[in-house]
Amino acid sequence: MEQLTRGCPEEFSRYVQYCKNLNFEEKPDYNFMRQIFRGLMQASGYEHDGQYDWVLKKEGKTNELRQQQMLEERKAPIAGRVAGHQPNTNAGLHHARASSKNL
């Protein structure tokens, strides 16, 4: 597991460890798992904007998406915490805006 999460914030390791420790019939605590990543997002200076990359692409808002990705690459608070880690802006994951307090 250490190799799998190397170069990632510790929250990824906590998430994978939690999943690994679940018994087959055990119901996951989805709220706990979401809270792990919400905490990381908040600590990294992002706020939930409710927009997702794939929705922006479908709506033809690729310019807005590119501008936001460039802003995030410049800020890159998560990448700054992890040496050598580069953010993947084409991952299709949740799109978060940098909060105004960190601008």
Foldseek 3Di string as FASTA:
>chain_A
DCVVQAQFPCLVVVLVVQVVPDDPPDDDPVVVNVVSVCVVCVVLQWDQPPDWPVVCVVVVVVVVLVVQLVVCQVSVSRNVVGPPDHDDSPPRGGRTHGDPVVD
